[in-house]
């Protein structure tokens, strides 16, 4: 079966986010008020074939652990959806 995988990667709490800080500082200079706690991450989407949703999730988790994320400083949220 085919699945659409979506992986949202973000820095762990307590890890400095210089991109987020730059964006946050720029927002007030551009006239936007009330914006705080900006964090920048990455989104990775792809299709994979797997026997079932549980196996697909396990494959994507392994991919995150070994390649897509730095598990020391990043967390990932995985969403798996079946494709008809």
PDB file of N, CA and C in Angstrom:
ATOM      1  N   UNK A   1       0.835  -1.173   0.000  1.00  0.00           N
ATOM      2  CA  UNK A   1       0.000   0.000   0.000  1.00  0.00           C
ATOM      3  C   UNK A   1       0.888   1.247   0.000  1.00  0.00           C
ATOM      4  N   UNK A   2       0.367   2.321  -0.594  1.00  0.00           N
ATOM      5  CA  UNK A   2       1.134   3.571  -0.660  1.00  0.00           C
ATOM      6  C   UNK A   2       0.663   4.526   0.441  1.00  0.00           C
ATOM      7  N   UNK A   3       1.642   5.250   1.005  1.00  0.00           N
ATOM      8  CA  UNK A   3       1.363   6.208   2.070  1.00  0.00           C
ATOM      9  C   UNK A   3       2.043   7.530   1.783  1.00  0.00           C
ATOM     10  N   UNK A   4       1.399   8.601   2.206  1.00  0.00           N
ATOM     11  CA  UNK A   4       1.995   9.936   2.171  1.00  0.00           C
ATOM     12  C   UNK A   4       2.548  10.190   3.563  1.00  0.00           C
ATOM     13  N   UNK A   5       3.831  10.481   3.645  1.00  0.00           N
ATOM     14  CA  UNK A   5       4.467  10.782   4.929  1.00  0.00           C
ATOM     15  C   UNK A   5       4.771  12.273   5.004  1.00  0.00           C
ATOM     16  N   UNK A   6       4.504  12.824   6.166  1.00  0.00           N
ATOM     17  CA  UNK A   6       4.818  14.222   6.439  1.00  0.00           C
ATOM     18  C   UNK A   6       5.617  14.260   7.731  1.00  0.00           C
ATOM     19  N   UNK A   7       6.794  14.876   7.668  1.00  0.00           N
ATOM     20  CA  UNK A   7       7.660  14.974   8.836  1.00  0.00           C
ATOM     21  C   UNK A   7       7.917  16.452   9.118  1.00  0.00           C
ATOM     22  N   UNK A   8       7.523  16.891  10.303  1.00  0.00           N
ATOM     23  CA  UNK A   8       7.779  18.267  10.745  1.00  0.00           C
ATOM     24  C   UNK A   8       8.928  18.206  11.739  1.00  0.00           C
ATOM     25  N   UNK A   9      10.028  18.878  11.406  1.00  0.00           N
ATOM     26  CA  UNK A   9      11.231  18.864  12.234  1.00  0.00           C
ATOM     27  C   UNK A   9      11.391  20.233  12.894  1.00  0.00           C
ATOM     28  N   UNK A  10      11.667  20.229  14.188  1.00  0.00           N
ATOM     29  CA  UNK A  10      11.876  21.482  14.915  1.00  0.00           C
ATOM     30  C   UNK A  10      12.986  21.286  15.931  1.00  0.00           C
ATOM     31  N   UNK A  11      13.620  22.406  16.278  1.00  0.00           N
ATOM     32  CA  UNK A  11      14.649  22.359  17.314  1.00  0.00           C
ATOM     33  C   UNK A  11      14.005  22.056  18.657  1.00  0.00           C
ATOM     34  N   UNK A  12      14.709  21.318  19.492  1.00  0.00           N
ATOM     35  CA  UNK A  12      14.201  21.013  20.833  1.00  0.00           C
ATOM     36  C   UNK A  12      14.164  22.281  21.674  1.00  0.00           C
ATOM     37  N   UNK A  13      13.271  22.282  22.669  1.00  0.00           N
ATOM     38  CA  UNK A  13      13.211  23.395  23.611  1.00  0.00           C
ATOM     39  C   UNK A  13      14.583  23.577  24.250  1.00  0.00           C
ATOM     40  N   UNK A  14      14.978  24.818  24.425  1.00  0.00           N
ATOM     41  CA  UNK A  14      16.266  25.122  25.040  1.00  0.00           C
ATOM     42  C   UNK A  14      17.412  25.245  24.050  1.00  0.00           C
ATOM     43  N   UNK A  15      17.196  24.831  22.797  1.00  0.00           N
ATOM     44  CA  UNK A  15      18.216  24.961  21.760  1.00  0.00           C
ATOM     45  C   UNK A  15      18.018  26.321  21.088  1.00  0.00           C
ATOM     46  N   UNK A  16      19.089  27.094  21.005  1.00  0.00           N
ATOM     47  CA  UNK A  16      19.014  28.421  20.386  1.00  0.00           C
ATOM     48  C   UNK A  16      18.560  28.305  18.933  1.00  0.00           C
ATOM     49  N   UNK A  17      17.698  29.241  18.538  1.00  0.00           N
ATOM     50  CA  UNK A  17      17.169  29.262  17.171  1.00  0.00           C
ATOM     51  C   UNK A  17      17.460  30.637  16.563  1.00  0.00           C
ATOM     52  N   UNK A  18      18.666  30.839  16.007  1.00  0.00           N
ATOM     53  CA  UNK A  18      19.026  32.149  15.467  1.00  0.00           C
ATOM     54  C   UNK A  18      18.111  32.612  14.337  1.00  0.00           C
ATOM     55  N   UNK A  19      17.623  31.704  13.499  1.00  0.00           N
ATOM     56  CA  UNK A  19      16.695  32.099  12.426  1.00  0.00           C
ATOM     57  C   UNK A  19      15.391  32.605  13.021  1.00  0.00           C
ATOM     58  N   UNK A  20      14.881  31.916  14.003  1.00  0.00           N
ATOM     59  CA  UNK A  20      13.657  32.340  14.665  1.00  0.00           C
ATOM     60  C   UNK A  20      13.825  33.702  15.324  1.00  0.00           C
ATOM     61  N   UNK A  21      14.970  33.916  15.968  1.00  0.00           N
ATOM     62  CA  UNK A  21      15.243  35.207  16.611  1.00  0.00           C
ATOM     63  C   UNK A  21      15.307  36.330  15.596  1.00  0.00           C
ATOM     64  N   UNK A  22      15.934  36.076  14.465  1.00  0.00           N
ATOM     65  CA  UNK A  22      16.035  37.091  13.414  1.00  0.00           C
ATOM     66  C   UNK A  22      14.648  37.461  12.893  1.00  0.00           C
ATOM     67  N   UNK A  23      13.820  36.463  12.650  1.00  0.00           N
ATOM     68  CA  UNK A  23      12.461  36.723  12.177  1.00  0.00           C
ATOM     69  C   UNK A  23      11.675  37.494  13.233  1.00  0.00           C
ATOM     70  N   UNK A  24      11.773  37.057  14.469  1.00  0.00           N
ATOM     71  CA  UNK A  24      11.045  37.730  15.546  1.00  0.00           C
ATOM     72  C   UNK A  24      11.460  39.194  15.674  1.00  0.00           C
ATOM     73  N   UNK A  25      12.757  39.478  15.609  1.00  0.00           N
ATOM     74  CA  UNK A  25      13.243  40.853  15.705  1.00  0.00           C
ATOM     75  C   UNK A  25      12.781  41.697  14.517  1.00  0.00           C
ATOM     76  N   UNK A  26      12.700  41.090  13.347  1.00  0.00           N
ATOM     77  CA  UNK A  26      12.312  41.834  12.148  1.00  0.00           C
ATOM     78  C   UNK A  26      10.822  42.168  12.124  1.00  0.00           C
ATOM     79  N   UNK A  27       9.998  41.345  12.753  1.00  0.00           N
ATOM     80  CA  UNK A  27       8.551  41.568  12.667  1.00  0.00           C
ATOM     81  C   UNK A  27       8.143  42.923  13.231  1.00  0.00           C
ATOM     82  N   UNK A  28       8.704  43.324  14.366  1.00  0.00           N
ATOM     83  CA  UNK A  28       8.318  44.623  14.939  1.00  0.00           C
ATOM     84  C   UNK A  28       8.817  45.770  14.066  1.00  0.00           C
ATOM     85  N   UNK A  29       9.978  45.583  13.459  1.00  0.00           N
ATOM     86  CA  UNK A  29      10.509  46.623  12.569  1.00  0.00           C
ATOM     87  C   UNK A  29       9.650  46.776  11.313  1.00  0.00           C
ATOM     88  N   UNK A  30       8.931  45.726  10.958  1.00  0.00           N
ATOM     89  CA  UNK A  30       8.047  45.754   9.790  1.00  0.00           C
ATOM     90  C   UNK A  30       6.624  46.175  10.163  1.00  0.00           C
ATOM     91  N   UNK A  31       6.425  46.491  11.426  1.00  0.00           N
ATOM     92  CA  UNK A  31       5.121  46.975  11.859  1.00  0.00           C
ATOM     93  C   UNK A  31       4.174  45.910  12.392  1.00  0.00           C
ATOM     94  N   UNK A  32       4.650  44.706  12.587  1.00  0.00           N
ATOM     95  CA  UNK A  32       3.818  43.641  13.145  1.00  0.00           C
ATOM     96  C   UNK A  32       4.070  43.569  14.643  1.00  0.00           C
ATOM     97  N   UNK A  33       3.007  43.679  15.416  1.00  0.00           N
ATOM     98  CA  UNK A  33       3.131  43.674  16.875  1.00  0.00           C
ATOM     99  C   UNK A  33       2.601  42.362  17.448  1.00  0.00           C
ATOM    100  N   UNK A  34       3.103  42.010  18.617  1.00  0.00           N
ATOM    101  CA  UNK A  34       2.582  40.852  19.346  1.00  0.00           C
ATOM    102  C   UNK A  34       3.087  39.508  18.882  1.00  0.00           C
ATOM    103  N   UNK A  35       4.133  39.478  18.091  1.00  0.00           N
ATOM    104  CA  UNK A  35       4.679  38.202  17.613  1.00  0.00           C
ATOM    105  C   UNK A  35       5.857  37.826  18.508  1.00  0.00           C
ATOM    106  N   UNK A  36       5.816  36.600  19.044  1.00  0.00           N
ATOM    107  CA  UNK A  36       6.889  36.158  19.942  1.00  0.00           C
ATOM    108  C   UNK A  36       7.100  34.648  19.807  1.00  0.00           C
ATOM    109  N   UNK A  37       8.171  34.183  20.403  1.00  0.00           N
ATOM    110  CA  UNK A  37       8.506  32.755  20.431  1.00  0.00           C
ATOM    111  C   UNK A  37       8.574  32.134  19.035  1.00  0.00           C
ATOM    112  N   UNK A  38       9.183  32.839  18.093  1.00  0.00           N
ATOM    113  CA  UNK A  38       9.307  32.332  16.724  1.00  0.00           C
ATOM    114  C   UNK A  38      10.360  31.226  16.696  1.00  0.00           C
ATOM    115  N   UNK A  39       9.985  30.080  16.136  1.00  0.00           N
ATOM    116  CA  UNK A  39      10.892  28.955  15.958  1.00  0.00           C
ATOM    117  C   UNK A  39      10.812  28.532  14.497  1.00  0.00           C
ATOM    118  N   UNK A  40      11.941  28.244  13.902  1.00  0.00           N
ATOM    119  CA  UNK A  40      11.991  27.832  12.499  1.00  0.00           C
ATOM    120  C   UNK A  40      12.295  26.335  12.447  1.00  0.00           C
ATOM    121  N   UNK A  41      11.589  25.628  11.580  1.00  0.00           N
ATOM    122  CA  UNK A  41      11.814  24.201  11.407  1.00  0.00           C
ATOM    123  C   UNK A  41      11.829  23.862   9.931  1.00  0.00           C
ATOM    124  N   UNK A  42      11.644  22.596   9.651  1.00  0.00           N
ATOM    125  CA  UNK A  42      11.574  22.171   8.250  1.00  0.00           C
ATOM    126  C   UNK A  42      10.469  21.133   8.113  1.00  0.00           C
ATOM    127  N   UNK A  43       9.911  21.075   6.936  1.00  0.00           N
ATOM    128  CA  UNK A  43       8.848  20.137   6.621  1.00  0.00           C
ATOM    129  C   UNK A  43       9.313  19.259   5.466  1.00  0.00           C
ATOM    130  N   UNK A  44       9.186  17.960   5.647  1.00  0.00           N
ATOM    131  CA  UNK A  44       9.619  17.005   4.627  1.00  0.00           C
ATOM    132  C   UNK A  44       8.428  16.113   4.297  1.00  0.00           C
ATOM    133  N   UNK A  45       8.082  16.013   3.014  1.00  0.00           N
ATOM    134  CA  UNK A  45       6.958  15.187   2.577  1.00  0.00           C
ATOM    135  C   UNK A  45       7.408  14.239   1.472  1.00  0.00           C
ATOM    136  N   UNK A  46       6.923  13.024   1.560  1.00  0.00           N
ATOM    137  CA  UNK A  46       7.259  12.041   0.526  1.00  0.00           C
ATOM    138  C   UNK A  46       6.249  10.893   0.541  1.00  0.00           C
ATOM    139  N   UNK A  47       6.300  10.067  -0.495  1.00  0.00           N
ATOM    140  CA  UNK A  47       5.444   8.899  -0.618  1.00  0.00           C
ATOM    141  C   UNK A  47       6.292   7.659  -0.397  1.00  0.00           C
ATOM    142  N   UNK A  48       5.716   6.676   0.295  1.00  0.00           N
ATOM    143  CA  UNK A  48       6.431   5.415   0.470  1.00  0.00           C
ATOM    144  C   UNK A  48       5.463   4.254   0.356  1.00  0.00           C
ATOM    145  N   UNK A  49       5.987   3.100   0.038  1.00  0.00           N
ATOM    146  CA  UNK A  49       5.198   1.872  -0.033  1.00  0.00           C
ATOM    147  C   UNK A  49       5.530   1.053   1.198  1.00  0.00           C
ATOM    148  N   UNK A  50       4.489   0.494   1.819  1.00  0.00           N
ATOM    149  CA  UNK A  50       4.669  -0.293   3.020  1.00  0.00           C
ATOM    150  C   UNK A  50       3.501  -1.260   3.169  1.00  0.00           C
ATOM    151  N   UNK A  51       3.685  -2.292   3.969  1.00  0.00           N
ATOM    152  CA  UNK A  51       2.644  -3.295   4.162  1.00  0.00           C
ATOM    153  C   UNK A  51       1.417  -2.729   4.863  1.00  0.00           C
ATOM    154  N   UNK A  52       1.640  -1.809   5.830  1.00  0.00           N
ATOM    155  CA  UNK A  52       0.534  -1.208   6.573  1.00  0.00           C
ATOM    156  C   UNK A  52       1.005   0.104   7.203  1.00  0.00           C
ATOM    157  N   UNK A  53       0.072   0.806   7.831  1.00  0.00           N
ATOM    158  CA  UNK A  53       0.389   2.129   8.389  1.00  0.00           C
ATOM    159  C   UNK A  53       1.424   2.043   9.513  1.00  0.00           C
ATOM    160  N   UNK A  54       1.323   1.028  10.351  1.00  0.00           N
ATOM    161  CA  UNK A  54       2.279   0.859  11.454  1.00  0.00           C
ATOM    162  C   UNK A  54       3.697   0.646  10.915  1.00  0.00           C
ATOM    163  N   UNK A  55       3.831  -0.172   9.887  1.00  0.00           N
ATOM    164  CA  UNK A  55       5.143  -0.415   9.279  1.00  0.00           C
ATOM    165  C   UNK A  55       5.667   0.846   8.592  1.00  0.00           C
ATOM    166  N   UNK A  56       4.768   1.602   7.961  1.00  0.00           N
ATOM    167  CA  UNK A  56       5.170   2.860   7.318  1.00  0.00           C
ATOM    168  C   UNK A  56       5.703   3.835   8.361  1.00  0.00           C
ATOM    169  N   UNK A  57       4.994   3.955   9.483  1.00  0.00           N
ATOM    170  CA  UNK A  57       5.436   4.861  10.555  1.00  0.00           C
ATOM    171  C   UNK A  57       6.802   4.438  11.084  1.00  0.00           C
ATOM    172  N   UNK A  58       7.004   3.142  11.265  1.00  0.00           N
ATOM    173  CA  UNK A  58       8.288   2.631  11.758  1.00  0.00           C
ATOM    174  C   UNK A  58       9.423   2.967  10.779  1.00  0.00           C
ATOM    175  N   UNK A  59       9.164   2.811   9.479  1.00  0.00           N
ATOM    176  CA  UNK A  59      10.167   3.128   8.462  1.00  0.00           C
ATOM    177  C   UNK A  59      10.531   4.608   8.503  1.00  0.00           C
ATOM    178  N   UNK A  60       9.514   5.467   8.586  1.00  0.00           N
ATOM    179  CA  UNK A  60       9.763   6.905   8.610  1.00  0.00           C
ATOM    180  C   UNK A  60      10.493   7.302   9.900  1.00  0.00           C
ATOM    181  N   UNK A  61      10.136   6.682  11.024  1.00  0.00           N
ATOM    182  CA  UNK A  61      10.839   6.971  12.282  1.00  0.00           C
ATOM    183  C   UNK A  61      12.315   6.608  12.167  1.00  0.00           C
ATOM    184  N   UNK A  62      12.608   5.453  11.577  1.00  0.00           N
ATOM    185  CA  UNK A  62      14.004   5.052  11.361  1.00  0.00           C
ATOM    186  C   UNK A  62      14.731   6.039  10.458  1.00  0.00           C
ATOM    187  N   UNK A  63      14.057   6.473   9.406  1.00  0.00           N
ATOM    188  CA  UNK A  63      14.639   7.448   8.486  1.00  0.00           C
ATOM    189  C   UNK A  63      14.964   8.744   9.230  1.00  0.00           C
ATOM    190  N   UNK A  64      14.050   9.178  10.090  1.00  0.00           N
ATOM    191  CA  UNK A  64      14.299  10.386  10.898  1.00  0.00           C
ATOM    192  C   UNK A  64      15.505  10.196  11.807  1.00  0.00           C
ATOM    193  N   UNK A  65      15.529   9.068  12.507  1.00  0.00           N
ATOM    194  CA  UNK A  65      16.607   8.806  13.461  1.00  0.00           C
ATOM    195  C   UNK A  65      17.975   8.712  12.795  1.00  0.00           C
ATOM    196  N   UNK A  66      18.022   8.165  11.582  1.00  0.00           N
ATOM    197  CA  UNK A  66      19.300   7.924  10.923  1.00  0.00           C
ATOM    198  C   UNK A  66      19.725   8.998   9.936  1.00  0.00           C
ATOM    199  N   UNK A  67      18.740   9.833   9.425  1.00  0.00           N
ATOM    200  CA  UNK A  67      19.108  10.710   8.326  1.00  0.00           C
ATOM    201  C   UNK A  67      18.435  12.077   8.327  1.00  0.00           C
ATOM    202  N   UNK A  68      17.132  12.136   8.558  1.00  0.00           N
ATOM    203  CA  UNK A  68      16.404  13.385   8.373  1.00  0.00           C
ATOM    204  C   UNK A  68      16.559  14.380   9.515  1.00  0.00           C
ATOM    205  N   UNK A  69      16.862  13.907  10.712  1.00  0.00           N
ATOM    206  CA  UNK A  69      16.985  14.805  11.856  1.00  0.00           C
ATOM    207  C   UNK A  69      18.287  14.558  12.600  1.00  0.00           C
ATOM    208  N   UNK A  70      18.641  15.544  13.398  1.00  0.00           N
ATOM    209  CA  UNK A  70      19.731  15.369  14.359  1.00  0.00           C
ATOM    210  C   UNK A  70      19.051  15.125  15.700  1.00  0.00           C
ATOM    211  N   UNK A  71      18.948  13.873  16.152  1.00  0.00           N
ATOM    212  CA  UNK A  71      18.174  13.565  17.345  1.00  0.00           C
ATOM    213  C   UNK A  71      18.714  14.198  18.625  1.00  0.00           C
ATOM    214  N   UNK A  72      19.903  14.734  18.591  1.00  0.00           N
ATOM    215  CA  UNK A  72      20.456  15.408  19.762  1.00  0.00           C
ATOM    216  C   UNK A  72      19.793  16.767  19.967  1.00  0.00           C
ATOM    217  N   UNK A  73      19.477  17.480  18.863  1.00  0.00           N
ATOM    218  CA  UNK A  73      18.944  18.840  18.985  1.00  0.00           C
ATOM    219  C   UNK A  73      17.575  19.038  18.340  1.00  0.00           C
ATOM    220  N   UNK A  74      17.054  18.007  17.640  1.00  0.00           N
ATOM    221  CA  UNK A  74      15.793  18.172  16.927  1.00  0.00           C
ATOM    222  C   UNK A  74      14.777  17.099  17.324  1.00  0.00           C
ATOM    223  N   UNK A  75      13.508  17.486  17.256  1.00  0.00           N
ATOM    224  CA  UNK A  75      12.382  16.563  17.413  1.00  0.00           C
ATOM    225  C   UNK A  75      11.635  16.511  16.098  1.00  0.00           C
ATOM    226  N   UNK A  76      10.943  15.402  15.870  1.00  0.00           N
ATOM    227  CA  UNK A  76      10.164  15.257  14.642  1.00  0.00           C
ATOM    228  C   UNK A  76       8.764  14.758  14.971  1.00  0.00           C
ATOM    229  N   UNK A  77       7.798  15.281  14.243  1.00  0.00           N
ATOM    230  CA  UNK A  77       6.430  14.800  14.296  1.00  0.00           C
ATOM    231  C   UNK A  77       6.129  14.141  12.958  1.00  0.00           C
ATOM    232  N   UNK A  78       5.661  12.913  13.011  1.00  0.00           N
ATOM    233  CA  UNK A  78       5.407  12.134  11.794  1.00  0.00           C
ATOM    234  C   UNK A  78       3.899  11.945  11.620  1.00  0.00           C
ATOM    235  N   UNK A  79       3.434  12.208  10.398  1.00  0.00           N
ATOM    236  CA  UNK A  79       2.036  11.959  10.047  1.00  0.00           C
ATOM    237  C   UNK A  79       2.030  11.057   8.822  1.00  0.00           C
ATOM    238  N   UNK A  80       1.304   9.950   8.923  1.00  0.00           N
ATOM    239  CA  UNK A  80       1.199   8.992   7.828  1.00  0.00           C
ATOM    240  C   UNK A  80      -0.265   8.932   7.381  1.00  0.00           C
ATOM    241  N   UNK A  81      -0.495   9.045   6.058  1.00  0.00           N
ATOM    242  CA  UNK A  81      -1.834   8.949   5.505  1.00  0.00           C
ATOM    243  C   UNK A  81      -1.830   7.998   4.323  1.00  0.00           C
ATOM    244  N   UNK A  82      -2.809   7.132   4.278  1.00  0.00           N
ATOM    245  CA  UNK A  82      -2.937   6.222   3.147  1.00  0.00           C
ATOM    246  C   UNK A  82      -3.338   6.952   1.886  1.00  0.00           C
ATOM    247  N   UNK A  83      -2.838   6.478   0.764  1.00  0.00           N
ATOM    248  CA  UNK A  83      -3.177   7.047  -0.560  1.00  0.00           C
ATOM    249  C   UNK A  83      -4.002   6.003  -1.296  1.00  0.00           C
ATOM    250  N   UNK A  84      -5.093   6.457  -1.851  1.00  0.00           N
ATOM    251  CA  UNK A  84      -5.940   5.523  -2.621  1.00  0.00           C
ATOM    252  C   UNK A  84      -5.430   5.357  -4.018  1.00  0.00           C
TER     253      UNK A  84
END
